[in-house]
C-alpha atoms as a PDB file:
ATOM      1  CA  MET A   1      99.209 117.053 110.181  1.00  0.00           C
ATOM      2  CA  LEU A   2     100.358 117.535 113.775  1.00  0.00           C
ATOM      3  CA  PHE A   3      98.647 115.902 116.747  1.00  0.00           C
ATOM      4  CA  ALA A   4      97.397 119.186 118.230  1.00  0.00           C
ATOM      5  CA  GLU A   5      95.518 120.055 115.039  1.00  0.00           C
ATOM      6  CA  LEU A   6      94.124 116.540 114.716  1.00  0.00           C
ATOM      7  CA  LYS A   7      92.879 116.719 118.301  1.00  0.00           C
ATOM      8  CA  ARG A   8      91.279 120.101 117.656  1.00  0.00           C
ATOM      9  CA  LEU A   9      89.451 118.710 114.651  1.00  0.00           C
ATOM     10  CA  HIS A  10      88.339 115.567 116.468  1.00  0.00           C
ATOM     11  CA  SER A  11      86.973 117.689 119.324  1.00  0.00           C
ATOM     12  CA  LEU A  12      84.733 119.789 117.074  1.00  0.00           C
ATOM     13  CA  PRO A  13      80.958 119.399 117.369  1.00  0.00           C
ATOM     14  CA  PHE A  14      80.012 116.400 115.258  1.00  0.00           C
ATOM     15  CA  PHE A  15      78.176 118.278 112.501  1.00  0.00           C
ATOM     16  CA  GLU A  16      80.892 120.945 112.270  1.00  0.00           C
ATOM     17  CA  LEU A  17      83.522 118.231 111.806  1.00  0.00           C
ATOM     18  CA  LEU A  18      81.435 116.538 109.112  1.00  0.00           C
ATOM     19  CA  LYS A  19      80.877 119.864 107.384  1.00  0.00           C
ATOM     20  CA  GLN A  20      84.619 120.522 107.181  1.00  0.00           C
ATOM     21  CA  ALA A  21      85.401 116.953 106.094  1.00  0.00           C
ATOM     22  CA  ARG A  22      82.718 117.087 103.412  1.00  0.00           C
ATOM     23  CA  ALA A  23      84.164 120.292 101.991  1.00  0.00           C
ATOM     24  CA  VAL A  24      87.629 118.691 101.758  1.00  0.00           C
ATOM     25  CA  HIS A  25      86.136 115.570 100.201  1.00  0.00           C
ATOM     26  CA  GLU A  26      84.228 117.476  97.520  1.00  0.00           C
ATOM     27  CA  ALA A  27      87.290 119.577  96.686  1.00  0.00           C
ATOM     28  CA  ASN A  28      89.423 116.489  96.102  1.00  0.00           C
ATOM     29  CA  TRP A  29      86.881 113.873  94.970  1.00  0.00           C
ATOM     30  CA  PRO A  30      84.181 115.795  93.053  1.00  0.00           C
ATOM     31  CA  GLU A  31      82.943 112.712  91.159  1.00  0.00           C
ATOM     32  CA  ASN A  32      81.711 111.236  94.455  1.00  0.00           C
ATOM     33  CA  ASP A  33      82.520 107.671  93.380  1.00  0.00           C
ATOM     34  CA  VAL A  34      83.447 104.728  95.609  1.00  0.00           C
ATOM     35  CA  GLN A  35      86.278 102.285  94.948  1.00  0.00           C
ATOM     36  CA  LEU A  36      85.281  98.616  95.181  1.00  0.00           C
ATOM     37  CA  CYS A  37      88.083  96.337  96.369  1.00  0.00           C
ATOM     38  CA  THR A  38      88.180  92.579  96.899  1.00  0.00           C
ATOM     39  CA  LEU A  39      90.516  91.028  99.468  1.00  0.00           C
ATOM     40  CA  LEU A  40      91.542  87.383  99.170  1.00  0.00           C
ATOM     41  CA  SER A  41      93.602  85.458 101.709  1.00  0.00           C
ATOM     42  CA  ILE A  42      95.950  83.484  99.448  1.00  0.00           C
ATOM     43  CA  LYS A  43      97.737  81.866 102.399  1.00  0.00           C
ATOM     44  CA  THR A  44      95.692  81.537 105.576  1.00  0.00           C
ATOM     45  CA  GLY A  45      96.723  80.736 109.165  1.00  0.00           C
ATOM     46  CA  GLY A  46      99.921  79.425 110.719  1.00  0.00           C
ATOM     47  CA  CYS A  47     101.492  82.872 111.095  1.00  0.00           C
ATOM     48  CA  SER A  48     104.388  83.139 113.573  1.00  0.00           C
ATOM     49  CA  GLU A  49     103.459  86.692 114.661  1.00  0.00           C
ATOM     50  CA  ASP A  50     101.451  87.453 117.823  1.00  0.00           C
ATOM     51  CA  CYS A  51      99.153  90.287 116.645  1.00  0.00           C
ATOM     52  CA  SER A  52      96.487  90.249 119.368  1.00  0.00           C
ATOM     53  CA  TYR A  53      93.578  90.813 116.987  1.00  0.00           C
ATOM     54  CA  CYS A  54      94.459  88.184 114.388  1.00  0.00           C
ATOM     55  CA  ALA A  55      92.878  84.746 114.137  1.00  0.00           C
ATOM     56  CA  GLN A  56      95.648  83.667 111.754  1.00  0.00           C
ATOM     57  CA  SER A  57      98.344  83.633 114.437  1.00  0.00           C
ATOM     58  CA  ALA A  58      99.606  80.132 115.211  1.00  0.00           C
ATOM     59  CA  ARG A  59      99.878  81.215 118.862  1.00  0.00           C
ATOM     60  CA  TYR A  60      96.110  81.318 119.405  1.00  0.00           C
ATOM     61  CA  ASN A  61      93.462  78.615 119.411  1.00  0.00           C
ATOM     62  CA  SER A  62      91.153  80.497 117.050  1.00  0.00           C
ATOM     63  CA  GLY A  63      89.914  77.592 114.959  1.00  0.00           C
ATOM     64  CA  VAL A  64      91.605  78.902 111.811  1.00  0.00           C
ATOM     65  CA  GLU A  65      93.536  76.049 110.232  1.00  0.00           C
ATOM     66  CA  ALA A  66      96.891  76.685 108.596  1.00  0.00           C
ATOM     67  CA  GLU A  67      96.706  76.368 104.826  1.00  0.00           C
ATOM     68  CA  ARG A  68      99.278  76.331 102.075  1.00  0.00           C
ATOM     69  CA  LEU A  69      99.581  79.045  99.441  1.00  0.00           C
ATOM     70  CA  MET A  70      96.615  78.790  97.072  1.00  0.00           C
ATOM     71  CA  SER A  71      97.294  77.621  93.550  1.00  0.00           C
ATOM     72  CA  LYS A  72      97.623  80.255  90.872  1.00  0.00           C
ATOM     73  CA  GLU A  73      94.651  78.740  89.055  1.00  0.00           C
ATOM     74  CA  ALA A  74      92.389  79.079  92.108  1.00  0.00           C
ATOM     75  CA  ILE A  75      93.522  82.663  92.708  1.00  0.00           C
ATOM     76  CA  MET A  76      92.933  83.619  89.083  1.00  0.00           C
ATOM     77  CA  GLU A  77      89.425  82.167  89.271  1.00  0.00           C
ATOM     78  CA  ARG A  78      88.666  84.349  92.315  1.00  0.00           C
ATOM     79  CA  ALA A  79      90.279  87.399  90.718  1.00  0.00           C
ATOM     80  CA  LYS A  80      88.191  87.027  87.560  1.00  0.00           C
ATOM     81  CA  ALA A  81      85.034  86.640  89.654  1.00  0.00           C
ATOM     82  CA  ALA A  82      85.927  89.811  91.574  1.00  0.00           C
ATOM     83  CA  ARG A  83      86.445  91.714  88.318  1.00  0.00           C
ATOM     84  CA  ASP A  84      83.178  90.410  86.897  1.00  0.00           C
ATOM     85  CA  THR A  85      81.214  91.621  89.951  1.00  0.00           C
ATOM     86  CA  GLY A  86      82.655  95.122  89.737  1.00  0.00           C
ATOM     87  CA  SER A  87      85.804  95.151  91.857  1.00  0.00           C
ATOM     88  CA  THR A  88      88.502  97.420  90.512  1.00  0.00           C
ATOM     89  CA  ARG A  89      91.258  96.472  92.974  1.00  0.00           C
ATOM     90  CA  PHE A  90      92.236  92.922  93.891  1.00  0.00           C
ATOM     91  CA  CYS A  91      94.216  92.632  97.110  1.00  0.00           C
ATOM     92  CA  MET A  92      95.978  89.404  98.052  1.00  0.00           C
ATOM     93  CA  GLY A  93      96.985  88.779 101.661  1.00  0.00           C
ATOM     94  CA  ALA A  94      99.291  86.101 103.037  1.00  0.00           C
ATOM     95  CA  ALA A  95      99.710  85.187 106.715  1.00  0.00           C
ATOM     96  CA  TRP A  96     103.486  85.481 106.833  1.00  0.00           C
ATOM     97  CA  ARG A  97     105.950  87.515 108.855  1.00  0.00           C
ATOM     98  CA  GLY A  98     107.356  88.672 105.552  1.00  0.00           C
ATOM     99  CA  VAL A  99     108.817  87.538 102.239  1.00  0.00           C
ATOM    100  CA  ARG A 100     112.390  86.989 101.128  1.00  0.00           C
ATOM    101  CA  GLY A 101     113.761  87.139  97.612  1.00  0.00           C
ATOM    102  CA  GLY A 102     115.098  83.932  96.085  1.00  0.00           C
ATOM    103  CA  THR A 103     112.686  81.672  97.970  1.00  0.00           C
ATOM    104  CA  GLN A 104     110.195  79.425  96.232  1.00  0.00           C
ATOM    105  CA  ARG A 105     107.161  81.050  97.834  1.00  0.00           C
ATOM    106  CA  PHE A 106     108.245  84.556  96.829  1.00  0.00           C
ATOM    107  CA  GLU A 107     108.777  83.436  93.237  1.00  0.00           C
ATOM    108  CA  GLN A 108     105.303  81.873  93.335  1.00  0.00           C
ATOM    109  CA  VAL A 109     103.816  85.164  94.534  1.00  0.00           C
ATOM    110  CA  LEU A 110     105.581  87.098  91.767  1.00  0.00           C
ATOM    111  CA  ASP A 111     104.228  84.639  89.194  1.00  0.00           C
ATOM    112  CA  ILE A 112     100.699  85.065  90.587  1.00  0.00           C
ATOM    113  CA  VAL A 113     100.998  88.872  90.538  1.00  0.00           C
ATOM    114  CA  ARG A 114     102.121  88.834  86.905  1.00  0.00           C
ATOM    115  CA  ASP A 115      99.021  86.909  85.870  1.00  0.00           C
ATOM    116  CA  VAL A 116      96.558  88.873  88.020  1.00  0.00           C
ATOM    117  CA  SER A 117      97.961  92.116  86.618  1.00  0.00           C
ATOM    118  CA  THR A 118      96.760  91.091  83.143  1.00  0.00           C
ATOM    119  CA  LEU A 119      93.079  91.279  84.226  1.00  0.00           C
ATOM    120  CA  GLY A 120      92.801  95.066  84.114  1.00  0.00           C
ATOM    121  CA  MET A 121      92.402  95.610  87.860  1.00  0.00           C
ATOM    122  CA  GLU A 122      94.716  97.365  90.294  1.00  0.00           C
ATOM    123  CA  VAL A 123      96.812  94.783  92.140  1.00  0.00           C
ATOM    124  CA  CYS A 124      97.451  95.126  95.869  1.00  0.00           C
ATOM    125  CA  VAL A 125      99.332  92.714  98.119  1.00  0.00           C
ATOM    126  CA  THR A 126      99.910  92.483 101.857  1.00  0.00           C
ATOM    127  CA  LEU A 127     102.702  90.049 102.638  1.00  0.00           C
ATOM    128  CA  GLY A 128     104.224  91.345 105.871  1.00  0.00           C
ATOM    129  CA  GLU A 129     107.714  92.801 106.044  1.00  0.00           C
ATOM    130  CA  LEU A 130     109.506  93.759 102.839  1.00  0.00           C
ATOM    131  CA  GLY A 131     113.122  94.432 102.056  1.00  0.00           C
ATOM    132  CA  ALA A 132     114.167  96.892  99.375  1.00  0.00           C
ATOM    133  CA  ASP A 133     114.897  94.192  96.780  1.00  0.00           C
ATOM    134  CA  GLU A 134     111.615  92.374  97.389  1.00  0.00           C
ATOM    135  CA  ALA A 135     109.708  95.643  97.037  1.00  0.00           C
ATOM    136  CA  LYS A 136     111.344  96.339  93.671  1.00  0.00           C
ATOM    137  CA  ALA A 137     110.535  92.818  92.457  1.00  0.00           C
ATOM    138  CA  LEU A 138     106.875  93.200  93.421  1.00  0.00           C
ATOM    139  CA  LYS A 139     106.653  96.533  91.627  1.00  0.00           C
ATOM    140  CA  GLU A 140     108.234  95.065  88.483  1.00  0.00           C
ATOM    141  CA  ALA A 141     105.812  92.108  88.605  1.00  0.00           C
ATOM    142  CA  GLY A 142     102.832  94.479  88.489  1.00  0.00           C
ATOM    143  CA  VAL A 143     101.861  95.413  92.034  1.00  0.00           C
ATOM    144  CA  THR A 144      99.987  98.719  92.137  1.00  0.00           C
ATOM    145  CA  ALA A 145      99.804  99.167  95.929  1.00  0.00           C
ATOM    146  CA  TYR A 146     101.295  97.579  99.018  1.00  0.00           C
ATOM    147  CA  ASN A 147      99.135  97.330 102.144  1.00  0.00           C
ATOM    148  CA  HIS A 148     100.892  97.603 105.497  1.00  0.00           C
ATOM    149  CA  ASN A 149      98.815  99.026 108.336  1.00  0.00           C
ATOM    150  CA  LEU A 150     100.258 100.718 111.415  1.00  0.00           C
ATOM    151  CA  ASP A 151      97.277  99.440 113.478  1.00  0.00           C
ATOM    152  CA  THR A 152      97.578 101.993 116.296  1.00  0.00           C
ATOM    153  CA  SER A 153      99.877 104.599 117.867  1.00  0.00           C
ATOM    154  CA  PRO A 154     103.589 103.985 118.466  1.00  0.00           C
ATOM    155  CA  GLU A 155     102.898 104.126 122.216  1.00  0.00           C
ATOM    156  CA  HIS A 156     100.084 101.534 122.214  1.00  0.00           C
ATOM    157  CA  TYR A 157     101.621  99.229 119.619  1.00  0.00           C
ATOM    158  CA  PRO A 158     103.704  97.104 122.056  1.00  0.00           C
ATOM    159  CA  ASN A 159     100.459  96.214 123.857  1.00  0.00           C
ATOM    160  CA  ILE A 160      99.130  94.704 120.629  1.00  0.00           C
ATOM    161  CA  VAL A 161     102.180  93.120 118.964  1.00  0.00           C
ATOM    162  CA  THR A 162     105.532  92.038 120.436  1.00  0.00           C
ATOM    163  CA  THR A 163     107.079  89.954 117.647  1.00  0.00           C
ATOM    164  CA  HIS A 164     107.962  92.983 115.536  1.00  0.00           C
ATOM    165  CA  THR A 165     108.250  96.695 116.154  1.00  0.00           C
ATOM    166  CA  TYR A 166     106.645  99.882 114.885  1.00  0.00           C
ATOM    167  CA  ASP A 167     109.957 100.730 113.264  1.00  0.00           C
ATOM    168  CA  ASP A 168     109.796  97.443 111.339  1.00  0.00           C
ATOM    169  CA  ARG A 169     106.460  98.587 109.908  1.00  0.00           C
ATOM    170  CA  LEU A 170     107.797 102.011 108.979  1.00  0.00           C
ATOM    171  CA  ARG A 171     110.802 100.445 107.289  1.00  0.00           C
ATOM    172  CA  THR A 172     108.591  98.257 105.090  1.00  0.00           C
ATOM    173  CA  ILE A 173     106.484 101.273 104.100  1.00  0.00           C
ATOM    174  CA  ARG A 174     109.603 103.200 103.121  1.00  0.00           C
ATOM    175  CA  HIS A 175     110.847 100.277 100.988  1.00  0.00           C
ATOM    176  CA  ALA A 176     107.487 100.051  99.202  1.00  0.00           C
ATOM    177  CA  GLN A 177     107.503 103.792  98.489  1.00  0.00           C
ATOM    178  CA  ASP A 178     111.120 103.764  97.311  1.00  0.00           C
ATOM    179  CA  ALA A 179     110.234 100.983  94.861  1.00  0.00           C
ATOM    180  CA  GLY A 180     107.504 103.164  93.342  1.00  0.00           C
ATOM    181  CA  MET A 181     104.489 101.370  94.753  1.00  0.00           C
ATOM    182  CA  SER A 182     101.563 103.233  96.231  1.00  0.00           C
ATOM    183  CA  VAL A 183     101.095 102.597  99.938  1.00  0.00           C
ATOM    184  CA  CYS A 184      97.841 101.555 101.547  1.00  0.00           C
ATOM    185  CA  CYS A 185      98.246 102.238 105.271  1.00  0.00           C
ATOM    186  CA  GLY A 186      95.691 102.675 108.036  1.00  0.00           C
ATOM    187  CA  GLY A 187      94.729 101.264 111.382  1.00  0.00           C
ATOM    188  CA  ILE A 188      92.264  99.420 113.570  1.00  0.00           C
ATOM    189  CA  LEU A 189      89.826 101.000 116.009  1.00  0.00           C
ATOM    190  CA  GLY A 190      88.839  99.045 119.109  1.00  0.00           C
ATOM    191  CA  LEU A 191      92.188  97.621 120.254  1.00  0.00           C
ATOM    192  CA  GLY A 192      91.839  99.121 123.723  1.00  0.00           C
ATOM    193  CA  GLU A 193      93.409 102.367 122.547  1.00  0.00           C
ATOM    194  CA  THR A 194      92.515 105.895 123.601  1.00  0.00           C
ATOM    195  CA  THR A 195      91.307 108.632 121.272  1.00  0.00           C
ATOM    196  CA  ASP A 196      94.795 110.123 121.528  1.00  0.00           C
ATOM    197  CA  ASP A 197      96.252 106.816 120.294  1.00  0.00           C
ATOM    198  CA  ARG A 198      94.006 106.945 117.238  1.00  0.00           C
ATOM    199  CA  LEU A 199      95.058 110.489 116.454  1.00  0.00           C
ATOM    200  CA  LYS A 200      98.765 109.800 117.046  1.00  0.00           C
ATOM    201  CA  MET A 201      98.519 106.936 114.544  1.00  0.00           C
ATOM    202  CA  LEU A 202      96.902 109.316 112.065  1.00  0.00           C
ATOM    203  CA  GLU A 203      99.606 111.896 112.744  1.00  0.00           C
ATOM    204  CA  VAL A 204     102.264 109.380 111.675  1.00  0.00           C
ATOM    205  CA  ILE A 205     100.298 108.375 108.565  1.00  0.00           C
ATOM    206  CA  SER A 206      99.521 111.942 107.500  1.00  0.00           C
ATOM    207  CA  GLU A 207     103.188 112.952 107.891  1.00  0.00           C
ATOM    208  CA  PHE A 208     104.373 110.299 105.409  1.00  0.00           C
ATOM    209  CA  ASN A 209     106.071 111.791 102.368  1.00  0.00           C
ATOM    210  CA  PRO A 210     104.451 110.906 100.056  1.00  0.00           C
ATOM    211  CA  GLN A 211     101.159 110.458 101.853  1.00  0.00           C
ATOM    212  CA  PRO A 212      99.452 107.058 101.418  1.00  0.00           C
ATOM    213  CA  GLU A 213      97.350 106.492  98.322  1.00  0.00           C
ATOM    214  CA  SER A 214      94.691 104.861 100.503  1.00  0.00           C
ATOM    215  CA  VAL A 215      93.956 104.744 104.239  1.00  0.00           C
ATOM    216  CA  PRO A 216      91.842 101.840 105.551  1.00  0.00           C
ATOM    217  CA  ILE A 217      89.930 102.532 108.758  1.00  0.00           C
ATOM    218  CA  ASN A 218      89.118  99.154 110.309  1.00  0.00           C
ATOM    219  CA  SER A 219      86.892  98.449 113.292  1.00  0.00           C
ATOM    220  CA  LEU A 220      87.992  95.433 115.310  1.00  0.00           C
ATOM    221  CA  MET A 221      86.126  92.226 114.587  1.00  0.00           C
ATOM    222  CA  PRO A 222      86.867  90.311 117.819  1.00  0.00           C
ATOM    223  CA  MET A 223      87.922  86.814 116.789  1.00  0.00           C
ATOM    224  CA  PRO A 224      87.373  83.811 119.124  1.00  0.00           C
ATOM    225  CA  GLY A 225      90.557  82.550 120.711  1.00  0.00           C
ATOM    226  CA  THR A 226      92.496  85.796 120.305  1.00  0.00           C
ATOM    227  CA  PRO A 227      93.456  88.045 123.255  1.00  0.00           C
ATOM    228  CA  LEU A 228      90.981  90.698 122.065  1.00  0.00           C
ATOM    229  CA  GLU A 229      88.007  88.385 121.591  1.00  0.00           C
ATOM    230  CA  GLY A 230      85.917  90.092 124.292  1.00  0.00           C
ATOM    231  CA  LYS A 231      86.259  93.670 123.091  1.00  0.00           C
ATOM    232  CA  GLU A 232      83.082  95.671 122.550  1.00  0.00           C
ATOM    233  CA  ALA A 233      82.038  96.978 119.155  1.00  0.00           C
ATOM    234  CA  VAL A 234      83.338 100.407 118.194  1.00  0.00           C
ATOM    235  CA  ASP A 235      80.665 103.113 118.346  1.00  0.00           C
ATOM    236  CA  GLY A 236      79.486 104.181 114.890  1.00  0.00           C
ATOM    237  CA  PHE A 237      79.886 107.873 115.680  1.00  0.00           C
ATOM    238  CA  ASP A 238      83.510 107.216 116.662  1.00  0.00           C
ATOM    239  CA  VAL A 239      84.098 105.551 113.291  1.00  0.00           C
ATOM    240  CA  ALA A 240      82.495 108.471 111.445  1.00  0.00           C
ATOM    241  CA  ARG A 241      84.619 110.968 113.399  1.00  0.00           C
ATOM    242  CA  MET A 242      87.778 109.058 112.518  1.00  0.00           C
ATOM    243  CA  ILE A 243      86.776 108.879 108.848  1.00  0.00           C
ATOM    244  CA  ALA A 244      86.165 112.646 108.861  1.00  0.00           C
ATOM    245  CA  VAL A 245      89.474 113.535 110.505  1.00  0.00           C
ATOM    246  CA  THR A 246      91.310 111.168 108.150  1.00  0.00           C
ATOM    247  CA  ARG A 247      89.689 112.801 105.133  1.00  0.00           C
ATOM    248  CA  ILE A 248      90.915 116.223 106.279  1.00  0.00           C
ATOM    249  CA  ALA A 249      94.403 114.981 107.225  1.00  0.00           C
ATOM    250  CA  VAL A 250      95.010 112.946 104.043  1.00  0.00           C
ATOM    251  CA  PRO A 251      92.805 114.745 101.511  1.00  0.00           C
ATOM    252  CA  LYS A 252      93.944 113.025  98.312  1.00  0.00           C
ATOM    253  CA  ALA A 253      93.859 109.468  99.682  1.00  0.00           C
ATOM    254  CA  LYS A 254      91.066 107.010  99.238  1.00  0.00           C
ATOM    255  CA  VAL A 255      89.682 106.538 102.749  1.00  0.00           C
ATOM    256  CA  ARG A 256      88.532 102.939 103.020  1.00  0.00           C
ATOM    257  CA  LEU A 257      85.654 101.919 105.250  1.00  0.00           C
ATOM    258  CA  SER A 258      87.129  98.527 105.952  1.00  0.00           C
ATOM    259  CA  ALA A 259      86.656  95.711 108.512  1.00  0.00           C
ATOM    260  CA  GLY A 260      83.689  95.928 110.837  1.00  0.00           C
ATOM    261  CA  ARG A 261      81.003  96.905 108.335  1.00  0.00           C
ATOM    262  CA  THR A 262      78.898  93.856 109.258  1.00  0.00           C
ATOM    263  CA  ARG A 263      78.289  95.577 112.607  1.00  0.00           C
ATOM    264  CA  MET A 264      77.212  98.849 111.006  1.00  0.00           C
ATOM    265  CA  SER A 265      73.726  99.829 109.951  1.00  0.00           C
ATOM    266  CA  ASP A 266      73.142 101.266 106.495  1.00  0.00           C
ATOM    267  CA  GLU A 267      72.635 104.633 108.191  1.00  0.00           C
ATOM    268  CA  THR A 268      76.044 104.481 109.912  1.00  0.00           C
ATOM    269  CA  GLN A 269      77.744 103.539 106.658  1.00  0.00           C
ATOM    270  CA  ALA A 270      75.955 106.398 104.882  1.00  0.00           C
ATOM    271  CA  LEU A 271      77.279 108.782 107.537  1.00  0.00           C
ATOM    272  CA  CYS A 272      80.809 107.473 106.904  1.00  0.00           C
ATOM    273  CA  TYR A 273      80.455 107.968 103.149  1.00  0.00           C
ATOM    274  CA  PHE A 274      79.314 111.535 103.774  1.00  0.00           C
ATOM    275  CA  ALA A 275      82.281 112.089 106.118  1.00  0.00           C
ATOM    276  CA  GLY A 276      84.744 111.146 103.381  1.00  0.00           C
ATOM    277  CA  ALA A 277      84.918 107.366 102.938  1.00  0.00           C
ATOM    278  CA  ASN A 278      85.227 106.512  99.260  1.00  0.00           C
ATOM    279  CA  SER A 279      86.496 102.946  99.231  1.00  0.00           C
ATOM    280  CA  ILE A 280      85.252  99.638 100.634  1.00  0.00           C
ATOM    281  CA  PHE A 281      86.250  96.003 100.695  1.00  0.00           C
ATOM    282  CA  TYR A 282      83.575  94.304  98.690  1.00  0.00           C
ATOM    283  CA  GLY A 283      82.565  90.662  98.654  1.00  0.00           C
ATOM    284  CA  ASP A 284      81.569  87.899 101.020  1.00  0.00           C
ATOM    285  CA  LYS A 285      84.733  87.582 103.096  1.00  0.00           C
ATOM    286  CA  LEU A 286      87.520  89.799 104.411  1.00  0.00           C
ATOM    287  CA  LEU A 287      90.434  87.454 105.232  1.00  0.00           C
ATOM    288  CA  THR A 288      88.876  85.392 108.071  1.00  0.00           C
ATOM    289  CA  ALA A 289      85.880  87.640 108.883  1.00  0.00           C
ATOM    290  CA  ALA A 290      82.523  88.070 107.197  1.00  0.00           C
ATOM    291  CA  ASN A 291      81.895  91.038 104.907  1.00  0.00           C
ATOM    292  CA  PRO A 292      78.600  92.548 103.689  1.00  0.00           C
ATOM    293  CA  ALA A 293      77.237  90.707 100.663  1.00  0.00           C
ATOM    294  CA  ILE A 294      77.774  92.161  97.215  1.00  0.00           C
ATOM    295  CA  GLU A 295      74.111  92.866  96.472  1.00  0.00           C
ATOM    296  CA  LYS A 296      73.619  94.577  99.847  1.00  0.00           C
ATOM    297  CA  ASP A 297      76.510  96.926  99.110  1.00  0.00           C
ATOM    298  CA  ARG A 298      75.258  97.622  95.594  1.00  0.00           C
ATOM    299  CA  THR A 299      71.788  98.414  96.918  1.00  0.00           C
ATOM    300  CA  LEU A 300      73.103 100.872  99.504  1.00  0.00           C
ATOM    301  CA  LEU A 301      75.343 102.650  96.988  1.00  0.00           C
ATOM    302  CA  ALA A 302      72.370 102.988  94.645  1.00  0.00           C
ATOM    303  CA  LYS A 303      70.187 104.417  97.428  1.00  0.00           C
ATOM    304  CA  LEU A 304      72.867 107.019  98.136  1.00  0.00           C
ATOM    305  CA  GLY A 305      73.387 107.851  94.474  1.00  0.00           C
ATOM    306  CA  LEU A 306      77.072 106.904  94.643  1.00  0.00           C
ATOM    307  CA  GLY A 307      78.923 105.709  91.565  1.00  0.00           C
ATOM    308  CA  THR A 308      81.963 103.442  91.452  1.00  0.00           C
ATOM    309  CA  LEU A 309      85.523 104.274  90.515  1.00  0.00           C
ATOM    310  CA  ALA A 310      86.964 102.741  87.357  1.00  0.00           C
ATOM    311  CA  PRO A 311      90.121 100.614  87.694  1.00  0.00           C
ATOM    312  CA  ASN A 312      93.439 102.365  87.165  1.00  0.00           C
ATOM    313  CA  PRO A 313      96.105  99.642  86.996  1.00  0.00           C
ATOM    314  CA  GLY A 314      98.633 102.091  85.554  1.00  0.00           C
ATOM    315  CA  MET A 315      98.127 104.491  88.458  1.00  0.00           C
ATOM    316  CA  ALA A 316     101.288 106.364  89.404  1.00  0.00           C
ATOM    317  CA  ALA A 317     102.267 106.358  93.068  1.00  0.00           C
ATOM    318  CA  PRO A 318     101.834 109.679  94.899  1.00  0.00           C
ATOM    319  CA  ALA A 319     104.823 111.979  94.457  1.00  0.00           C
ATOM    320  CA  CYS A 320     107.037 113.191  97.288  1.00  0.00           C
ATOM    321  CA  GLU A 321     106.807 116.790  98.404  1.00  0.00           C
ATOM    322  CA  GLU A 322     110.338 118.126  98.072  1.00  0.00           C
ATOM    323  CA  GLU A 323     110.017 120.606 100.929  1.00  0.00           C
ATOM    324  CA  ARG A 324     109.214 117.861 103.463  1.00  0.00           C
ATOM    325  CA  PRO A 325     111.385 114.973 104.715  1.00  0.00           C
ATOM    326  CA  LEU A 326     110.643 111.532 103.315  1.00  0.00           C
ATOM    327  CA  SER A 327     108.619 108.979 105.249  1.00  0.00           C
ATOM    328  CA  PRO A 328     110.784 107.592 108.041  1.00  0.00           C
ATOM    329  CA  CYS A 329     112.495 104.237 107.785  1.00  0.00           C
ATOM    330  CA  CYS A 330     112.540 103.916 111.536  1.00  0.00           C
ATOM    331  CA  GLY A 331     112.449 105.898 114.736  1.00  0.00           C
END
């Protein structure tokens, strides 16, 4: 969807925007269920990148200690616990610039993925940059979806990250799609961006061919010691507007109400669900930031009469639309 149309939608009166988003949501997700995902940091801290929002960067004095890759046994224990508390997607994140085939750590990750994929959940990983061969290996090992967020607009991105480029991100997304994995790709609100930056990011995401299978909308959790530690909380109405526009722009994707939910009231979250959110990260921790407790989430979903999506580990990746160009590799 082009920027001009996204801006027109975003500028609508709030209730008119929600009305349109709700109609799109009900047309594409009539069951009105929410996907429950658990995110585990399997390798925390010590990252060489300089993402301004991230406490895991070795460049910042954030108090996050560098840790080695978790053992497969420990990860399997957490994955089983996630499954037993209702999560249908298990996402594993590692604080690396990227992975390279033939290395010990990549072989360890593939071995972990193979075992996690036997638990009946969808398997998602976020490991930084991917080459084409690494993407194929992850797919063959059992990865359902690859998470790689764009964070913000191409124009604002250099203000947030300098150790890799926007094109690097697009290239990784293309490799994941070419390998047959679904792509989970969204952004972060509250990085000092303008409304136009948010919509330009969404323009890029919505123009992917195929479109992402899921789109996380994160609100910045300012982490001590990072360059963005003093940023103010994102306004709840701004989050709901972005959820609504995303639902219209990427109608068949799961729109994930992601980081920042600890700062949201139940009423704000309910507004976001109405606007088109149908996925959350679920559990006590989201990488290095707190996350609403499991029982609190369950209680709110029950109050709203929302069900939960069943796992679909055999889910096929979205298909390309032949009349449109493929997602860009770069530029």
